[in-house]
Amino acid sequence: MMVVFRKLDRDDMPAAAKVHRTSFDMRLPWLAQLHTPEEDRGHWSGHLFATCDIWGAERDGALLGIIAFREDWIDQLYILPNAQRQGIGTRLVDIAKAAYPKLSLWTFQRNAAARRFYEARGFVEIRQTDGTANEEKEPDVLYRWRITTE
């Protein structure tokens, strides 16, 4: 069963929102249900679709992972828990890296798996915050990646 990577369209946004919520709630249970499913769908169909390139990974027509990125930023990256550790996240990050020579992203300090993932793919920690400036009020960390020329 081959995984297909493609740019998503507006009709894919409800499925993207579901991948986001499922992965988020499994990986960050202390923040589960921060938003309703309707709010998630609205965010993906509205703000993210309007401002980001959104790519997905699917197998047999089922969406397994998603990335939303724009110039200099990865806004969202989520892989369904049962599809993690199969190279899907790496491939989605590589799509964003191919589009822009530098990328930044935020993740939560307590999300050790995400931090290991990004660091293994060349992202460097820039700074940490106490979380007072983010919606979740959760301490976070800013990462940055830059293309290197040798």
N, C-alpha and C. Protein backbone atom coordinates (compact mmCIF):
# COMPACT_ATOMS: atom_id res chain seq x y z
N MET A 1 0.84 -1.18 0.00
CA MET A 1 0.00 0.00 0.00
C MET A 1 0.89 1.24 0.00
N MET A 2 0.86 1.95 -1.10
CA MET A 2 1.72 3.11 -1.26
C MET A 2 1.09 4.37 -0.66
N VAL A 3 1.93 5.20 -0.05
CA VAL A 3 1.49 6.49 0.47
C VAL A 3 1.66 7.51 -0.65
N VAL A 4 0.62 8.29 -0.89
CA VAL A 4 0.63 9.33 -1.92
C VAL A 4 0.66 10.68 -1.22
N PHE A 5 1.52 11.57 -1.71
CA PHE A 5 1.63 12.92 -1.18
C PHE A 5 1.08 13.88 -2.22
N ARG A 6 0.19 14.78 -1.78
CA ARG A 6 -0.40 15.72 -2.73
C ARG A 6 -0.82 17.00 -2.01
N LYS A 7 -0.90 18.07 -2.81
CA LYS A 7 -1.40 19.33 -2.28
C LYS A 7 -2.91 19.16 -2.08
N LEU A 8 -3.39 19.58 -0.94
CA LEU A 8 -4.81 19.40 -0.61
C LEU A 8 -5.62 20.60 -1.10
N ASP A 9 -6.90 20.35 -1.34
CA ASP A 9 -7.80 21.43 -1.74
C ASP A 9 -8.82 21.67 -0.62
N ARG A 10 -9.67 22.64 -0.82
CA ARG A 10 -10.61 23.03 0.23
C ARG A 10 -11.50 21.85 0.66
N ASP A 11 -11.87 20.99 -0.27
CA ASP A 11 -12.72 19.84 0.07
C ASP A 11 -12.04 18.86 1.02
N ASP A 12 -10.70 18.93 1.09
CA ASP A 12 -9.94 18.04 1.98
C ASP A 12 -9.83 18.59 3.41
N MET A 13 -10.25 19.83 3.63
CA MET A 13 -10.02 20.46 4.92
C MET A 13 -10.75 19.80 6.09
N PRO A 14 -11.96 19.28 5.95
CA PRO A 14 -12.55 18.56 7.08
C PRO A 14 -11.73 17.33 7.50
N ALA A 15 -11.20 16.61 6.53
CA ALA A 15 -10.35 15.45 6.85
C ALA A 15 -9.04 15.91 7.48
N ALA A 16 -8.48 17.02 6.99
CA ALA A 16 -7.25 17.56 7.59
C ALA A 16 -7.49 17.96 9.04
N ALA A 17 -8.62 18.61 9.29
CA ALA A 17 -8.95 19.01 10.66
C ALA A 17 -9.09 17.79 11.57
N LYS A 18 -9.62 16.71 11.04
CA LYS A 18 -9.78 15.49 11.84
C LYS A 18 -8.42 14.85 12.16
N VAL A 19 -7.51 14.82 11.18
CA VAL A 19 -6.16 14.31 11.43
C VAL A 19 -5.50 15.16 12.51
N HIS A 20 -5.61 16.47 12.39
CA HIS A 20 -5.05 17.39 13.38
C HIS A 20 -5.59 17.07 14.78
N ARG A 21 -6.90 17.03 14.91
CA ARG A 21 -7.50 16.83 16.24
C ARG A 21 -7.14 15.47 16.82
N THR A 22 -7.18 14.42 16.01
CA THR A 22 -6.87 13.07 16.50
C THR A 22 -5.43 13.00 17.00
N SER A 23 -4.51 13.50 16.20
CA SER A 23 -3.10 13.46 16.58
C SER A 23 -2.82 14.36 17.79
N PHE A 24 -3.37 15.56 17.76
CA PHE A 24 -3.17 16.52 18.86
C PHE A 24 -3.66 15.93 20.18
N ASP A 25 -4.86 15.40 20.18
CA ASP A 25 -5.44 14.87 21.42
C ASP A 25 -4.68 13.65 21.94
N MET A 26 -4.14 12.83 21.05
CA MET A 26 -3.37 11.66 21.48
C MET A 26 -2.01 12.07 22.04
N ARG A 27 -1.35 13.03 21.39
CA ARG A 27 0.00 13.41 21.78
C ARG A 27 0.00 14.41 22.95
N LEU A 28 -1.06 15.21 23.04
CA LEU A 28 -1.13 16.27 24.06
C LEU A 28 -2.44 16.17 24.83
N PRO A 29 -2.66 15.08 25.55
CA PRO A 29 -3.96 14.85 26.18
C PRO A 29 -4.36 15.93 27.20
N TRP A 30 -3.40 16.60 27.80
CA TRP A 30 -3.72 17.65 28.76
C TRP A 30 -4.32 18.88 28.08
N LEU A 31 -4.23 18.95 26.74
CA LEU A 31 -4.82 20.06 25.99
C LEU A 31 -6.00 19.61 25.12
N ALA A 32 -6.41 18.36 25.28
CA ALA A 32 -7.49 17.80 24.44
C ALA A 32 -8.76 18.64 24.56
N GLN A 33 -9.46 18.68 23.47
CA GLN A 33 -10.76 19.35 23.39
C GLN A 33 -10.69 20.86 23.63
N LEU A 34 -9.56 21.45 23.30
CA LEU A 34 -9.43 22.89 23.41
C LEU A 34 -10.42 23.60 22.49
N HIS A 35 -10.67 22.98 21.33
CA HIS A 35 -11.63 23.52 20.36
C HIS A 35 -12.63 22.44 19.98
N THR A 36 -13.78 22.87 19.51
CA THR A 36 -14.78 21.93 19.02
C THR A 36 -14.38 21.45 17.62
N PRO A 37 -14.92 20.32 17.17
CA PRO A 37 -14.67 19.90 15.79
C PRO A 37 -15.09 20.96 14.76
N GLU A 38 -16.16 21.67 15.03
CA GLU A 38 -16.60 22.73 14.11
C GLU A 38 -15.58 23.85 14.04
N GLU A 39 -15.01 24.23 15.19
CA GLU A 39 -13.97 25.26 15.20
C GLU A 39 -12.73 24.79 14.44
N ASP A 40 -12.36 23.53 14.63
CA ASP A 40 -11.21 22.99 13.90
C ASP A 40 -11.45 23.05 12.40
N ARG A 41 -12.60 22.59 11.95
CA ARG A 41 -12.90 22.62 10.51
C ARG A 41 -12.88 24.04 9.98
N GLY A 42 -13.44 24.98 10.73
CA GLY A 42 -13.44 26.38 10.31
C GLY A 42 -12.04 26.94 10.20
N HIS A 43 -11.18 26.59 11.14
CA HIS A 43 -9.80 27.07 11.12
C HIS A 43 -9.05 26.53 9.90
N TRP A 44 -9.22 25.25 9.61
CA TRP A 44 -8.53 24.65 8.46
C TRP A 44 -9.11 25.16 7.15
N SER A 45 -10.43 25.23 7.05
CA SER A 45 -11.07 25.68 5.79
C SER A 45 -10.92 27.17 5.57
N GLY A 46 -10.81 27.93 6.65
CA GLY A 46 -10.72 29.38 6.55
C GLY A 46 -9.29 29.87 6.59
N HIS A 47 -8.80 30.14 7.78
CA HIS A 47 -7.49 30.76 7.97
C HIS A 47 -6.35 29.97 7.32
N LEU A 48 -6.19 28.70 7.66
CA LEU A 48 -5.05 27.95 7.14
C LEU A 48 -5.11 27.79 5.63
N PHE A 49 -6.27 27.46 5.09
CA PHE A 49 -6.38 27.27 3.65
C PHE A 49 -6.06 28.57 2.90
N ALA A 50 -6.44 29.69 3.48
CA ALA A 50 -6.20 31.00 2.83
C ALA A 50 -4.75 31.45 2.92
N THR A 51 -4.01 31.00 3.93
CA THR A 51 -2.68 31.54 4.16
C THR A 51 -1.54 30.55 3.94
N CYS A 52 -1.83 29.28 3.81
CA CYS A 52 -0.78 28.25 3.75
C CYS A 52 -0.93 27.35 2.54
N ASP A 53 0.18 26.74 2.17
CA ASP A 53 0.15 25.57 1.30
C ASP A 53 -0.12 24.40 2.23
N ILE A 54 -1.07 23.57 1.87
CA ILE A 54 -1.42 22.42 2.72
C ILE A 54 -1.26 21.15 1.90
N TRP A 55 -0.42 20.28 2.39
CA TRP A 55 -0.15 19.01 1.74
C TRP A 55 -0.59 17.88 2.66
N GLY A 56 -0.91 16.77 2.04
CA GLY A 56 -1.32 15.61 2.81
C GLY A 56 -0.67 14.34 2.30
N ALA A 57 -0.69 13.35 3.17
CA ALA A 57 -0.23 12.01 2.84
C ALA A 57 -1.43 11.09 3.01
N GLU A 58 -1.70 10.30 1.98
CA GLU A 58 -2.84 9.40 2.08
C GLU A 58 -2.50 8.02 1.54
N ARG A 59 -3.22 7.07 2.07
CA ARG A 59 -3.10 5.68 1.63
C ARG A 59 -4.51 5.18 1.40
N ASP A 60 -4.75 4.64 0.23
CA ASP A 60 -6.08 4.13 -0.12
C ASP A 60 -7.17 5.17 0.10
N GLY A 61 -6.85 6.44 -0.20
CA GLY A 61 -7.82 7.51 -0.08
C GLY A 61 -8.04 8.03 1.33
N ALA A 62 -7.35 7.47 2.33
CA ALA A 62 -7.49 7.92 3.72
C ALA A 62 -6.32 8.83 4.07
N LEU A 63 -6.62 10.00 4.58
CA LEU A 63 -5.59 10.96 4.97
C LEU A 63 -4.90 10.50 6.24
N LEU A 64 -3.56 10.44 6.20
CA LEU A 64 -2.75 9.96 7.32
C LEU A 64 -1.98 11.07 8.01
N GLY A 65 -1.64 12.11 7.25
CA GLY A 65 -0.83 13.19 7.80
C GLY A 65 -1.01 14.45 6.98
N ILE A 66 -0.73 15.59 7.63
CA ILE A 66 -0.92 16.88 6.97
C ILE A 66 0.16 17.86 7.42
N ILE A 67 0.49 18.78 6.52
CA ILE A 67 1.38 19.88 6.86
C ILE A 67 0.81 21.15 6.24
N ALA A 68 0.82 22.23 7.01
CA ALA A 68 0.41 23.55 6.53
C ALA A 68 1.62 24.46 6.71
N PHE A 69 2.11 25.04 5.60
CA PHE A 69 3.28 25.88 5.67
C PHE A 69 3.13 27.09 4.75
N ARG A 70 3.91 28.11 5.06
CA ARG A 70 3.94 29.35 4.28
C ARG A 70 5.37 29.85 4.32
N GLU A 71 5.63 30.96 3.67
CA GLU A 71 6.99 31.47 3.64
C GLU A 71 7.54 31.60 5.07
N ASP A 72 8.65 30.94 5.31
CA ASP A 72 9.39 30.97 6.57
C ASP A 72 8.76 30.19 7.73
N TRP A 73 7.58 29.61 7.58
CA TRP A 73 6.90 28.98 8.72
C TRP A 73 6.25 27.65 8.38
N ILE A 74 6.34 26.72 9.30
CA ILE A 74 5.47 25.54 9.33
C ILE A 74 4.45 25.84 10.41
N ASP A 75 3.20 25.98 10.01
CA ASP A 75 2.14 26.31 10.96
C ASP A 75 1.57 25.07 11.64
N GLN A 76 1.48 23.96 10.90
CA GLN A 76 0.89 22.74 11.44
C GLN A 76 1.58 21.53 10.81
N LEU A 77 1.82 20.50 11.60
CA LEU A 77 2.27 19.20 11.10
C LEU A 77 1.70 18.15 12.04
N TYR A 78 0.86 17.30 11.50
CA TYR A 78 0.24 16.25 12.31
C TYR A 78 0.16 14.96 11.51
N ILE A 79 0.51 13.86 12.16
CA ILE A 79 0.44 12.53 11.57
C ILE A 79 -0.42 11.69 12.51
N LEU A 80 -1.36 10.93 11.96
CA LEU A 80 -2.17 10.05 12.81
C LEU A 80 -1.25 9.13 13.61
N PRO A 81 -1.59 8.87 14.86
CA PRO A 81 -0.71 8.05 15.71
C PRO A 81 -0.35 6.69 15.10
N ASN A 82 -1.29 6.03 14.45
CA ASN A 82 -0.98 4.71 13.88
C ASN A 82 -0.18 4.78 12.58
N ALA A 83 0.07 6.01 12.08
CA ALA A 83 0.86 6.18 10.86
C ALA A 83 2.23 6.82 11.16
N GLN A 84 2.52 7.07 12.42
CA GLN A 84 3.80 7.67 12.78
C GLN A 84 4.92 6.66 12.65
N ARG A 85 6.14 7.19 12.50
CA ARG A 85 7.36 6.39 12.38
C ARG A 85 7.39 5.56 11.10
N GLN A 86 6.76 6.10 10.05
CA GLN A 86 6.77 5.46 8.74
C GLN A 86 7.37 6.37 7.67
N GLY A 87 7.95 7.50 8.08
CA GLY A 87 8.57 8.42 7.14
C GLY A 87 7.63 9.48 6.58
N ILE A 88 6.38 9.46 6.99
CA ILE A 88 5.40 10.40 6.46
C ILE A 88 5.71 11.83 6.91
N GLY A 89 5.99 12.02 8.17
CA GLY A 89 6.31 13.36 8.66
C GLY A 89 7.56 13.90 8.01
N THR A 90 8.58 13.06 7.86
CA THR A 90 9.82 13.49 7.22
C THR A 90 9.55 13.95 5.79
N ARG A 91 8.77 13.19 5.06
CA ARG A 91 8.47 13.55 3.66
C ARG A 91 7.68 14.85 3.60
N LEU A 92 6.72 15.05 4.49
CA LEU A 92 5.96 16.30 4.49
C LEU A 92 6.85 17.50 4.84
N VAL A 93 7.74 17.34 5.80
CA VAL A 93 8.68 18.41 6.13
C VAL A 93 9.60 18.69 4.93
N ASP A 94 10.02 17.65 4.24
CA ASP A 94 10.87 17.83 3.06
C ASP A 94 10.16 18.63 1.97
N ILE A 95 8.86 18.47 1.84
CA ILE A 95 8.10 19.26 0.86
C ILE A 95 8.17 20.74 1.22
N ALA A 96 8.02 21.06 2.50
CA ALA A 96 8.12 22.45 2.94
C ALA A 96 9.55 22.97 2.76
N LYS A 97 10.55 22.16 3.08
CA LYS A 97 11.94 22.56 2.92
C LYS A 97 12.28 22.84 1.46
N ALA A 98 11.68 22.09 0.55
CA ALA A 98 11.93 22.30 -0.88
C ALA A 98 11.33 23.62 -1.36
N ALA A 99 10.33 24.11 -0.66
CA ALA A 99 9.64 25.35 -1.08
C ALA A 99 10.33 26.60 -0.55
N TYR A 100 10.97 26.51 0.61
CA TYR A 100 11.54 27.70 1.26
C TYR A 100 12.91 27.39 1.85
N PRO A 101 13.86 28.34 1.77
CA PRO A 101 15.21 28.10 2.27
C PRO A 101 15.35 28.19 3.79
N LYS A 102 14.32 28.70 4.46
CA LYS A 102 14.35 28.71 5.93
C LYS A 102 12.92 28.53 6.42
N LEU A 103 12.81 27.86 7.55
CA LEU A 103 11.50 27.59 8.15
C LEU A 103 11.63 27.68 9.66
N SER A 104 10.60 28.21 10.29
CA SER A 104 10.50 28.24 11.74
C SER A 104 9.21 27.56 12.14
N LEU A 105 9.14 27.13 13.38
CA LEU A 105 7.92 26.52 13.90
C LEU A 105 7.95 26.57 15.41
N TRP A 106 6.78 26.49 15.98
CA TRP A 106 6.61 26.38 17.43
C TRP A 106 6.12 24.98 17.77
N THR A 107 6.58 24.46 18.88
CA THR A 107 6.01 23.26 19.45
C THR A 107 6.04 23.42 20.97
N PHE A 108 5.31 22.60 21.65
CA PHE A 108 5.26 22.70 23.11
C PHE A 108 6.48 22.03 23.73
N GLN A 109 6.97 22.61 24.79
CA GLN A 109 8.15 22.07 25.46
C GLN A 109 7.92 20.63 25.92
N ARG A 110 6.72 20.32 26.37
CA ARG A 110 6.42 18.97 26.87
C ARG A 110 6.26 17.94 25.76
N ASN A 111 6.19 18.37 24.52
CA ASN A 111 6.00 17.44 23.40
C ASN A 111 7.38 16.90 22.98
N ALA A 112 7.92 16.02 23.81
CA ALA A 112 9.27 15.51 23.60
C ALA A 112 9.42 14.79 22.27
N ALA A 113 8.41 14.06 21.84
CA ALA A 113 8.50 13.33 20.57
C ALA A 113 8.63 14.31 19.40
N ALA A 114 7.86 15.37 19.41
CA ALA A 114 7.95 16.37 18.34
C ALA A 114 9.32 17.04 18.36
N ARG A 115 9.79 17.36 19.53
CA ARG A 115 11.10 18.02 19.63
C ARG A 115 12.21 17.12 19.08
N ARG A 116 12.18 15.84 19.41
CA ARG A 116 13.17 14.90 18.86
C ARG A 116 13.06 14.82 17.34
N PHE A 117 11.82 14.77 16.85
CA PHE A 117 11.58 14.69 15.41
C PHE A 117 12.20 15.89 14.70
N TYR A 118 11.89 17.10 15.15
CA TYR A 118 12.40 18.30 14.48
C TYR A 118 13.92 18.41 14.59
N GLU A 119 14.47 18.13 15.75
CA GLU A 119 15.91 18.22 15.92
C GLU A 119 16.64 17.22 15.01
N ALA A 120 16.07 16.03 14.83
CA ALA A 120 16.68 15.02 13.95
C ALA A 120 16.63 15.44 12.49
N ARG A 121 15.80 16.41 12.16
CA ARG A 121 15.66 16.88 10.78
C ARG A 121 16.29 18.26 10.58
N GLY A 122 17.19 18.60 11.49
CA GLY A 122 17.98 19.80 11.31
C GLY A 122 17.44 21.09 11.90
N PHE A 123 16.32 21.03 12.61
CA PHE A 123 15.79 22.22 13.26
C PHE A 123 16.56 22.47 14.56
N VAL A 124 16.84 23.74 14.81
CA VAL A 124 17.62 24.14 15.98
C VAL A 124 16.74 24.99 16.89
N GLU A 125 16.83 24.71 18.19
CA GLU A 125 16.07 25.50 19.15
C GLU A 125 16.59 26.92 19.19
N ILE A 126 15.66 27.89 19.10
CA ILE A 126 16.01 29.31 19.13
C ILE A 126 15.71 29.91 20.50
N ARG A 127 14.52 29.62 21.01
CA ARG A 127 14.17 30.13 22.33
C ARG A 127 12.97 29.38 22.89
N GLN A 128 12.82 29.50 24.21
CA GLN A 128 11.68 28.93 24.91
C GLN A 128 10.88 30.06 25.54
N THR A 129 9.56 29.83 25.69
CA THR A 129 8.72 30.80 26.38
C THR A 129 7.95 30.10 27.49
N ASP A 130 7.35 30.90 28.35
CA ASP A 130 6.54 30.33 29.44
C ASP A 130 5.10 30.06 29.01
N GLY A 131 4.77 30.37 27.77
CA GLY A 131 3.45 30.07 27.23
C GLY A 131 2.41 31.16 27.44
N THR A 132 2.75 32.23 28.10
CA THR A 132 1.74 33.27 28.35
C THR A 132 1.23 33.92 27.07
N ALA A 133 2.01 33.86 25.98
CA ALA A 133 1.60 34.50 24.73
C ALA A 133 0.85 33.56 23.79
N ASN A 134 0.71 32.28 24.12
CA ASN A 134 -0.02 31.39 23.22
C ASN A 134 -1.40 31.07 23.78
N GLU A 135 -2.26 30.64 22.90
CA GLU A 135 -3.65 30.37 23.26
C GLU A 135 -3.79 29.32 24.35
N GLU A 136 -2.93 28.33 24.32
CA GLU A 136 -3.02 27.20 25.25
C GLU A 136 -2.42 27.51 26.62
N LYS A 137 -1.64 28.59 26.70
CA LYS A 137 -0.93 28.96 27.94
C LYS A 137 0.04 27.85 28.36
N GLU A 138 0.62 27.21 27.36
CA GLU A 138 1.52 26.07 27.54
C GLU A 138 2.93 26.50 27.13
N PRO A 139 3.94 26.28 27.98
CA PRO A 139 5.31 26.63 27.59
C PRO A 139 5.68 26.00 26.25
N ASP A 140 6.29 26.83 25.40
CA ASP A 140 6.61 26.35 24.06
C ASP A 140 8.05 26.66 23.70
N VAL A 141 8.44 26.20 22.52
CA VAL A 141 9.81 26.37 22.05
C VAL A 141 9.77 26.69 20.56
N LEU A 142 10.58 27.65 20.16
CA LEU A 142 10.70 28.06 18.77
C LEU A 142 11.89 27.34 18.15
N TYR A 143 11.67 26.72 16.98
CA TYR A 143 12.73 26.05 16.24
C TYR A 143 12.90 26.73 14.89
N ARG A 144 14.13 26.63 14.36
CA ARG A 144 14.41 27.19 13.03
C ARG A 144 15.30 26.23 12.26
N TRP A 145 15.03 26.17 10.97
CA TRP A 145 15.86 25.40 10.03
C TRP A 145 16.25 26.33 8.88
N ARG A 146 17.47 26.21 8.41
CA ARG A 146 17.95 26.95 7.23
C ARG A 146 18.65 25.97 6.31
N ILE A 147 18.44 26.18 5.02
CA ILE A 147 19.16 25.37 4.05
C ILE A 147 20.64 25.67 4.17
N THR A 148 21.45 24.65 4.05
CA THR A 148 22.88 24.87 4.12
C THR A 148 23.49 24.65 2.74
N THR A 149 24.42 25.49 2.38
CA THR A 149 25.12 25.33 1.12
C THR A 149 26.57 24.97 1.44
N GLU A 150 27.02 23.96 0.81
CA GLU A 150 28.38 23.50 1.10
C GLU A 150 29.26 23.68 -0.10
